[in-house]
């Protein structure tokens, strides 16, 4: 019964966050234009096809991380303003289920964002992507966005009620997500074949992304409740 109840909470929180996104369209009206502009500005700044093809993977994930801050802050600003988190806590809801629901919703948004960013990189930076590279890239996006969903939700909950959370969140989050940036960039470079990289070289980095997601999935579910209570 407890597992069923927990799954219902996860589903309810997940659907609630996605419905809010569909109604507010923050992802499509704010985040996507911002991330796309980042890619375009890098294209103008570097202005060299060889360089752009070599660094395309890193640029995609830098744009993803910059966008992550906007999405996380928006998600928790809504919950803080309407008192949703406090209501769930007072009602005795399993906060680890809330954590997983919000993390999955965040990961879904990031996947949608990365699909657009990868398509933008293919058009702007003229990178190549074969079938083996596509499989590696899809796996990379799923593993990386899962890890970012977990860590973004954890630190979003930590800074939700803090003053100056708009600047505090990036300061706390950037050092923690550095392994994701490095591993996802290397895996994406292998998928694109940037700098002569082979597709097989990317799978070791997928392992690191998987470990990161597992650590913050378990750790976040245990720490989220105490953080919200405080």
C-alpha atoms as a PDB file:
ATOM      1  CA  UNK A   1       0.000   0.000   0.000  1.00  0.00           C
ATOM      2  CA  UNK A   2       2.813   2.346   0.884  1.00  0.00           C
ATOM      3  CA  UNK A   3       4.551   1.766  -2.487  1.00  0.00           C
ATOM      4  CA  UNK A   4       1.265   2.386  -4.310  1.00  0.00           C
ATOM      5  CA  UNK A   5       0.722   5.607  -2.390  1.00  0.00           C
ATOM      6  CA  UNK A   6       4.267   6.725  -3.145  1.00  0.00           C
ATOM      7  CA  UNK A   7       3.830   6.042  -6.849  1.00  0.00           C
ATOM      8  CA  UNK A   8       0.612   8.083  -6.821  1.00  0.00           C
ATOM      9  CA  UNK A   9       2.420  11.010  -5.213  1.00  0.00           C
ATOM     10  CA  UNK A  10       5.206  10.797  -7.781  1.00  0.00           C
ATOM     11  CA  UNK A  11       2.664  10.750 -10.618  1.00  0.00           C
ATOM     12  CA  UNK A  12       0.653  13.620  -9.135  1.00  0.00           C
ATOM     13  CA  UNK A  13       3.702  15.864  -8.660  1.00  0.00           C
ATOM     14  CA  UNK A  14       5.053  14.961 -12.096  1.00  0.00           C
ATOM     15  CA  UNK A  15       1.756  15.746 -13.837  1.00  0.00           C
ATOM     16  CA  UNK A  16       1.304  18.931 -11.798  1.00  0.00           C
ATOM     17  CA  UNK A  17       4.704  20.296 -12.850  1.00  0.00           C
ATOM     18  CA  UNK A  18       4.152  19.370 -16.480  1.00  0.00           C
ATOM     19  CA  UNK A  19       0.672  20.947 -16.496  1.00  0.00           C
ATOM     20  CA  UNK A  20       2.116  24.153 -15.067  1.00  0.00           C
ATOM     21  CA  UNK A  21       4.696  24.142 -17.853  1.00  0.00           C
ATOM     22  CA  UNK A  22       2.058  23.562 -20.528  1.00  0.00           C
ATOM     23  CA  UNK A  23       0.000  26.469 -19.228  1.00  0.00           C
ATOM     24  CA  UNK A  24       2.841  28.922 -18.582  1.00  0.00           C
ATOM     25  CA  UNK A  25       4.978  27.831 -21.562  1.00  0.00           C
ATOM     26  CA  UNK A  26       8.141  29.013 -19.825  1.00  0.00           C
ATOM     27  CA  UNK A  27      10.173  26.365 -21.645  1.00  0.00           C
ATOM     28  CA  UNK A  28       8.967  27.370 -25.101  1.00  0.00           C
ATOM     29  CA  UNK A  29       8.674  31.136 -24.576  1.00  0.00           C
ATOM     30  CA  UNK A  30      11.749  31.806 -22.414  1.00  0.00           C
ATOM     31  CA  UNK A  31      14.125  28.879 -22.004  1.00  0.00           C
ATOM     32  CA  UNK A  32      14.273  27.651 -25.605  1.00  0.00           C
ATOM     33  CA  UNK A  33      14.877  31.136 -27.085  1.00  0.00           C
ATOM     34  CA  UNK A  34      17.557  31.760 -24.450  1.00  0.00           C
ATOM     35  CA  UNK A  35      19.330  28.445 -25.123  1.00  0.00           C
ATOM     36  CA  UNK A  36      19.063  28.926 -28.875  1.00  0.00           C
ATOM     37  CA  UNK A  37      20.530  32.394 -28.556  1.00  0.00           C
ATOM     38  CA  UNK A  38      23.477  30.950 -26.645  1.00  0.00           C
ATOM     39  CA  UNK A  39      24.210  28.578 -29.534  1.00  0.00           C
ATOM     40  CA  UNK A  40      23.898  31.361 -32.098  1.00  0.00           C
ATOM     41  CA  UNK A  41      26.139  33.731 -30.127  1.00  0.00           C
ATOM     42  CA  UNK A  42      28.834  31.066 -29.847  1.00  0.00           C
ATOM     43  CA  UNK A  43      28.582  30.509 -33.596  1.00  0.00           C
ATOM     44  CA  UNK A  44      29.195  34.230 -34.212  1.00  0.00           C
ATOM     45  CA  UNK A  45      31.913  34.481 -31.558  1.00  0.00           C
ATOM     46  CA  UNK A  46      33.985  31.529 -32.771  1.00  0.00           C
ATOM     47  CA  UNK A  47      33.214  31.993 -36.494  1.00  0.00           C
ATOM     48  CA  UNK A  48      35.241  28.959 -37.551  1.00  0.00           C
ATOM     49  CA  UNK A  49      33.609  25.774 -38.810  1.00  0.00           C
ATOM     50  CA  UNK A  50      36.426  23.493 -37.652  1.00  0.00           C
ATOM     51  CA  UNK A  51      36.416  24.946 -34.147  1.00  0.00           C
ATOM     52  CA  UNK A  52      32.628  24.868 -33.928  1.00  0.00           C
ATOM     53  CA  UNK A  53      32.471  21.225 -34.972  1.00  0.00           C
ATOM     54  CA  UNK A  54      35.093  20.328 -32.385  1.00  0.00           C
ATOM     55  CA  UNK A  55      33.387  22.133 -29.490  1.00  0.00           C
ATOM     56  CA  UNK A  56      29.748  21.541 -30.521  1.00  0.00           C
ATOM     57  CA  UNK A  57      29.152  18.982 -27.758  1.00  0.00           C
ATOM     58  CA  UNK A  58      30.401  21.320 -25.048  1.00  0.00           C
ATOM     59  CA  UNK A  59      28.293  24.200 -26.319  1.00  0.00           C
ATOM     60  CA  UNK A  60      25.138  22.076 -26.262  1.00  0.00           C
ATOM     61  CA  UNK A  61      25.703  21.135 -22.628  1.00  0.00           C
ATOM     62  CA  UNK A  62      26.726  24.624 -21.561  1.00  0.00           C
ATOM     63  CA  UNK A  63      23.431  25.914 -22.963  1.00  0.00           C
ATOM     64  CA  UNK A  64      21.650  23.096 -21.118  1.00  0.00           C
ATOM     65  CA  UNK A  65      23.253  24.027 -17.779  1.00  0.00           C
ATOM     66  CA  UNK A  66      22.472  27.718 -18.187  1.00  0.00           C
ATOM     67  CA  UNK A  67      18.866  26.823 -18.946  1.00  0.00           C
ATOM     68  CA  UNK A  68      18.740  24.446 -15.973  1.00  0.00           C
ATOM     69  CA  UNK A  69      18.967  27.375 -13.554  1.00  0.00           C
ATOM     70  CA  UNK A  70      15.951  29.084 -15.111  1.00  0.00           C
ATOM     71  CA  UNK A  71      13.823  25.930 -15.084  1.00  0.00           C
ATOM     72  CA  UNK A  72      14.694  24.998 -11.478  1.00  0.00           C
ATOM     73  CA  UNK A  73      14.117  28.493 -10.136  1.00  0.00           C
ATOM     74  CA  UNK A  74      10.780  28.738 -11.930  1.00  0.00           C
ATOM     75  CA  UNK A  75       9.638  25.343 -10.658  1.00  0.00           C
ATOM     76  CA  UNK A  76      10.359  26.082  -7.008  1.00  0.00           C
ATOM     77  CA  UNK A  77       9.214  29.708  -7.214  1.00  0.00           C
ATOM     78  CA  UNK A  78       5.739  28.464  -8.129  1.00  0.00           C
ATOM     79  CA  UNK A  79       5.692  25.927  -5.278  1.00  0.00           C
ATOM     80  CA  UNK A  80       7.013  28.450  -2.766  1.00  0.00           C
ATOM     81  CA  UNK A  81       4.598  31.207  -3.773  1.00  0.00           C
ATOM     82  CA  UNK A  82       1.445  29.092  -3.540  1.00  0.00           C
ATOM     83  CA  UNK A  83       2.671  27.177  -0.475  1.00  0.00           C
ATOM     84  CA  UNK A  84       2.494  23.800  -2.217  1.00  0.00           C
ATOM     85  CA  UNK A  85       5.608  22.377  -0.562  1.00  0.00           C
ATOM     86  CA  UNK A  86       4.496  23.493   2.896  1.00  0.00           C
ATOM     87  CA  UNK A  87       1.069  21.959   2.335  1.00  0.00           C
ATOM     88  CA  UNK A  88       2.588  18.638   1.296  1.00  0.00           C
ATOM     89  CA  UNK A  89       4.891  18.640   4.311  1.00  0.00           C
ATOM     90  CA  UNK A  90       2.073  19.414   6.756  1.00  0.00           C
ATOM     91  CA  UNK A  91      -0.114  16.759   5.150  1.00  0.00           C
ATOM     92  CA  UNK A  92       2.505  14.126   5.895  1.00  0.00           C
ATOM     93  CA  UNK A  93       3.187  13.263   2.262  1.00  0.00           C
ATOM     94  CA  UNK A  94       6.349  11.261   1.611  1.00  0.00           C
ATOM     95  CA  UNK A  95       8.733  14.001   0.497  1.00  0.00           C
ATOM     96  CA  UNK A  96      11.019  11.526  -1.237  1.00  0.00           C
ATOM     97  CA  UNK A  97       8.107  10.876  -3.621  1.00  0.00           C
ATOM     98  CA  UNK A  98       7.801  14.636  -4.173  1.00  0.00           C
ATOM     99  CA  UNK A  99      11.516  14.697  -4.930  1.00  0.00           C
ATOM    100  CA  UNK A 100      11.230  11.988  -7.575  1.00  0.00           C
ATOM    101  CA  UNK A 101       8.139  13.569  -9.118  1.00  0.00           C
ATOM    102  CA  UNK A 102       9.780  16.970  -9.491  1.00  0.00           C
ATOM    103  CA  UNK A 103      13.081  15.446 -10.664  1.00  0.00           C
ATOM    104  CA  UNK A 104      11.392  13.406 -13.395  1.00  0.00           C
ATOM    105  CA  UNK A 105       9.418  16.456 -14.544  1.00  0.00           C
ATOM    106  CA  UNK A 106      12.640  18.468 -14.675  1.00  0.00           C
ATOM    107  CA  UNK A 107      14.372  15.704 -16.645  1.00  0.00           C
ATOM    108  CA  UNK A 108      11.495  15.597 -19.153  1.00  0.00           C
ATOM    109  CA  UNK A 109      11.824  19.341 -19.738  1.00  0.00           C
ATOM    110  CA  UNK A 110      15.582  19.019 -20.187  1.00  0.00           C
ATOM    111  CA  UNK A 111      15.167  16.182 -22.684  1.00  0.00           C
ATOM    112  CA  UNK A 112      12.809  18.352 -24.754  1.00  0.00           C
ATOM    113  CA  UNK A 113      15.310  21.204 -24.550  1.00  0.00           C
ATOM    114  CA  UNK A 114      18.251  19.014 -25.585  1.00  0.00           C
ATOM    115  CA  UNK A 115      16.401  17.654 -28.609  1.00  0.00           C
ATOM    116  CA  UNK A 116      16.089  21.214 -29.895  1.00  0.00           C
ATOM    117  CA  UNK A 117      19.689  22.071 -28.964  1.00  0.00           C
ATOM    118  CA  UNK A 118      21.102  19.020 -30.724  1.00  0.00           C
ATOM    119  CA  UNK A 119      19.087  19.831 -33.850  1.00  0.00           C
ATOM    120  CA  UNK A 120      20.396  23.392 -33.604  1.00  0.00           C
ATOM    121  CA  UNK A 121      23.977  22.123 -33.333  1.00  0.00           C
ATOM    122  CA  UNK A 122      23.507  19.899 -36.383  1.00  0.00           C
ATOM    123  CA  UNK A 123      22.301  22.900 -38.400  1.00  0.00           C
ATOM    124  CA  UNK A 124      24.580  25.641 -37.057  1.00  0.00           C
ATOM    125  CA  UNK A 125      27.793  23.714 -36.502  1.00  0.00           C
ATOM    126  CA  UNK A 126      27.399  21.173 -39.332  1.00  0.00           C
ATOM    127  CA  UNK A 127      28.389  18.168 -37.247  1.00  0.00           C
ATOM    128  CA  UNK A 128      27.918  14.610 -38.492  1.00  0.00           C
ATOM    129  CA  UNK A 129      25.778  12.025 -36.725  1.00  0.00           C
ATOM    130  CA  UNK A 130      25.570   8.400 -37.810  1.00  0.00           C
ATOM    131  CA  UNK A 131      23.359   5.636 -36.394  1.00  0.00           C
ATOM    132  CA  UNK A 132      25.889   4.484 -33.757  1.00  0.00           C
ATOM    133  CA  UNK A 133      26.440   8.085 -32.744  1.00  0.00           C
ATOM    134  CA  UNK A 134      22.686   8.626 -32.459  1.00  0.00           C
ATOM    135  CA  UNK A 135      22.331   5.672 -30.078  1.00  0.00           C
ATOM    136  CA  UNK A 136      25.184   7.009 -27.953  1.00  0.00           C
ATOM    137  CA  UNK A 137      23.740  10.527 -28.004  1.00  0.00           C
ATOM    138  CA  UNK A 138      20.245   9.418 -26.971  1.00  0.00           C
ATOM    139  CA  UNK A 139      21.712   7.406 -24.085  1.00  0.00           C
ATOM    140  CA  UNK A 140      23.856  10.360 -23.074  1.00  0.00           C
ATOM    141  CA  UNK A 141      20.904  12.756 -23.055  1.00  0.00           C
ATOM    142  CA  UNK A 142      18.776  10.391 -20.949  1.00  0.00           C
ATOM    143  CA  UNK A 143      21.520   9.700 -18.386  1.00  0.00           C
ATOM    144  CA  UNK A 144      22.718  13.305 -18.177  1.00  0.00           C
ATOM    145  CA  UNK A 145      19.252  14.845 -17.873  1.00  0.00           C
ATOM    146  CA  UNK A 146      18.306  12.289 -15.213  1.00  0.00           C
ATOM    147  CA  UNK A 147      21.322  13.274 -13.145  1.00  0.00           C
ATOM    148  CA  UNK A 148      20.655  16.964 -13.691  1.00  0.00           C
ATOM    149  CA  UNK A 149      17.016  16.430 -12.729  1.00  0.00           C
ATOM    150  CA  UNK A 150      18.020  14.868  -9.415  1.00  0.00           C
ATOM    151  CA  UNK A 151      20.689  17.388  -8.482  1.00  0.00           C
ATOM    152  CA  UNK A 152      18.649  20.359  -9.732  1.00  0.00           C
ATOM    153  CA  UNK A 153      15.665  19.313  -7.617  1.00  0.00           C
ATOM    154  CA  UNK A 154      17.814  18.764  -4.544  1.00  0.00           C
ATOM    155  CA  UNK A 155      19.523  22.141  -4.725  1.00  0.00           C
ATOM    156  CA  UNK A 156      16.334  23.857  -5.839  1.00  0.00           C
ATOM    157  CA  UNK A 157      14.704  22.638  -2.621  1.00  0.00           C
ATOM    158  CA  UNK A 158      17.739  23.757  -0.622  1.00  0.00           C
ATOM    159  CA  UNK A 159      17.599  27.325  -1.942  1.00  0.00           C
ATOM    160  CA  UNK A 160      13.801  27.609  -2.374  1.00  0.00           C
ATOM    161  CA  UNK A 161      13.225  29.788   0.672  1.00  0.00           C
ATOM    162  CA  UNK A 162      16.600  31.535   0.766  1.00  0.00           C
ATOM    163  CA  UNK A 163      17.156  35.202   0.054  1.00  0.00           C
ATOM    164  CA  UNK A 164      19.063  35.825  -3.151  1.00  0.00           C
ATOM    165  CA  UNK A 165      18.286  32.336  -4.421  1.00  0.00           C
ATOM    166  CA  UNK A 166      18.662  33.561  -8.022  1.00  0.00           C
ATOM    167  CA  UNK A 167      22.423  33.933  -7.506  1.00  0.00           C
ATOM    168  CA  UNK A 168      22.824  31.323  -4.762  1.00  0.00           C
ATOM    169  CA  UNK A 169      21.557  28.433  -6.880  1.00  0.00           C
ATOM    170  CA  UNK A 170      24.179  28.776  -9.662  1.00  0.00           C
ATOM    171  CA  UNK A 171      26.982  29.210  -7.101  1.00  0.00           C
ATOM    172  CA  UNK A 172      26.012  25.983  -5.328  1.00  0.00           C
ATOM    173  CA  UNK A 173      25.035  23.994  -8.389  1.00  0.00           C
ATOM    174  CA  UNK A 174      27.827  24.709 -10.874  1.00  0.00           C
ATOM    175  CA  UNK A 175      30.645  22.920  -8.979  1.00  0.00           C
ATOM    176  CA  UNK A 176      28.414  19.903  -8.369  1.00  0.00           C
ATOM    177  CA  UNK A 177      27.337  19.454 -11.994  1.00  0.00           C
ATOM    178  CA  UNK A 178      30.880  19.803 -13.363  1.00  0.00           C
ATOM    179  CA  UNK A 179      31.201  15.993 -13.748  1.00  0.00           C
ATOM    180  CA  UNK A 180      28.001  15.969 -15.829  1.00  0.00           C
ATOM    181  CA  UNK A 181      29.286  18.774 -18.040  1.00  0.00           C
ATOM    182  CA  UNK A 182      32.589  16.977 -18.622  1.00  0.00           C
ATOM    183  CA  UNK A 183      31.158  13.481 -19.149  1.00  0.00           C
ATOM    184  CA  UNK A 184      28.222  14.595 -21.300  1.00  0.00           C
ATOM    185  CA  UNK A 185      30.500  16.774 -23.422  1.00  0.00           C
ATOM    186  CA  UNK A 186      32.953  13.925 -24.025  1.00  0.00           C
ATOM    187  CA  UNK A 187      30.158  11.472 -24.857  1.00  0.00           C
ATOM    188  CA  UNK A 188      28.529  13.966 -27.227  1.00  0.00           C
ATOM    189  CA  UNK A 189      31.855  14.672 -28.914  1.00  0.00           C
ATOM    190  CA  UNK A 190      32.244  10.927 -29.477  1.00  0.00           C
ATOM    191  CA  UNK A 191      28.717  10.766 -30.901  1.00  0.00           C
ATOM    192  CA  UNK A 192      29.492  13.666 -33.258  1.00  0.00           C
ATOM    193  CA  UNK A 193      32.948  12.315 -34.103  1.00  0.00           C
ATOM    194  CA  UNK A 194      34.462  15.662 -33.112  1.00  0.00           C
ATOM    195  CA  UNK A 195      38.242  15.822 -33.385  1.00  0.00           C
ATOM    196  CA  UNK A 196      38.377  12.297 -34.780  1.00  0.00           C
ATOM    197  CA  UNK A 197      36.782  10.791 -31.659  1.00  0.00           C
ATOM    198  CA  UNK A 198      35.356   7.279 -31.992  1.00  0.00           C
ATOM    199  CA  UNK A 199      31.824   6.400 -30.903  1.00  0.00           C
ATOM    200  CA  UNK A 200      33.133   3.622 -28.660  1.00  0.00           C
ATOM    201  CA  UNK A 201      35.065   6.174 -26.592  1.00  0.00           C
ATOM    202  CA  UNK A 202      31.828   7.734 -25.379  1.00  0.00           C
ATOM    203  CA  UNK A 203      30.434   4.735 -23.509  1.00  0.00           C
ATOM    204  CA  UNK A 204      32.897   5.039 -20.617  1.00  0.00           C
ATOM    205  CA  UNK A 205      31.556   8.548 -20.006  1.00  0.00           C
ATOM    206  CA  UNK A 206      28.012   7.166 -20.022  1.00  0.00           C
ATOM    207  CA  UNK A 207      29.070   5.005 -17.073  1.00  0.00           C
ATOM    208  CA  UNK A 208      30.130   8.120 -15.146  1.00  0.00           C
ATOM    209  CA  UNK A 209      26.799   9.816 -15.923  1.00  0.00           C
ATOM    210  CA  UNK A 210      24.948   6.730 -14.685  1.00  0.00           C
ATOM    211  CA  UNK A 211      26.886   6.681 -11.412  1.00  0.00           C
ATOM    212  CA  UNK A 212      26.248  10.411 -10.911  1.00  0.00           C
ATOM    213  CA  UNK A 213      22.513   9.945 -11.463  1.00  0.00           C
ATOM    214  CA  UNK A 214      22.374   6.967  -9.088  1.00  0.00           C
ATOM    215  CA  UNK A 215      24.257   8.785  -6.315  1.00  0.00           C
ATOM    216  CA  UNK A 216      22.107  11.902  -6.452  1.00  0.00           C
ATOM    217  CA  UNK A 217      18.937   9.888  -6.954  1.00  0.00           C
ATOM    218  CA  UNK A 218      19.499   7.974  -3.720  1.00  0.00           C
ATOM    219  CA  UNK A 219      21.116  10.830  -1.810  1.00  0.00           C
ATOM    220  CA  UNK A 220      18.561  13.359  -2.971  1.00  0.00           C
ATOM    221  CA  UNK A 221      15.590  11.226  -1.965  1.00  0.00           C
ATOM    222  CA  UNK A 222      17.049  10.902   1.535  1.00  0.00           C
ATOM    223  CA  UNK A 223      18.075  14.553   1.940  1.00  0.00           C
ATOM    224  CA  UNK A 224      15.161  16.351   0.268  1.00  0.00           C
ATOM    225  CA  UNK A 225      12.704  15.874   3.135  1.00  0.00           C
ATOM    226  CA  UNK A 226      15.017  17.236   5.877  1.00  0.00           C
ATOM    227  CA  UNK A 227      15.967  20.183   3.645  1.00  0.00           C
ATOM    228  CA  UNK A 228      12.343  21.127   3.058  1.00  0.00           C
ATOM    229  CA  UNK A 229      11.513  20.715   6.761  1.00  0.00           C
ATOM    230  CA  UNK A 230      14.199  23.239   7.625  1.00  0.00           C
END
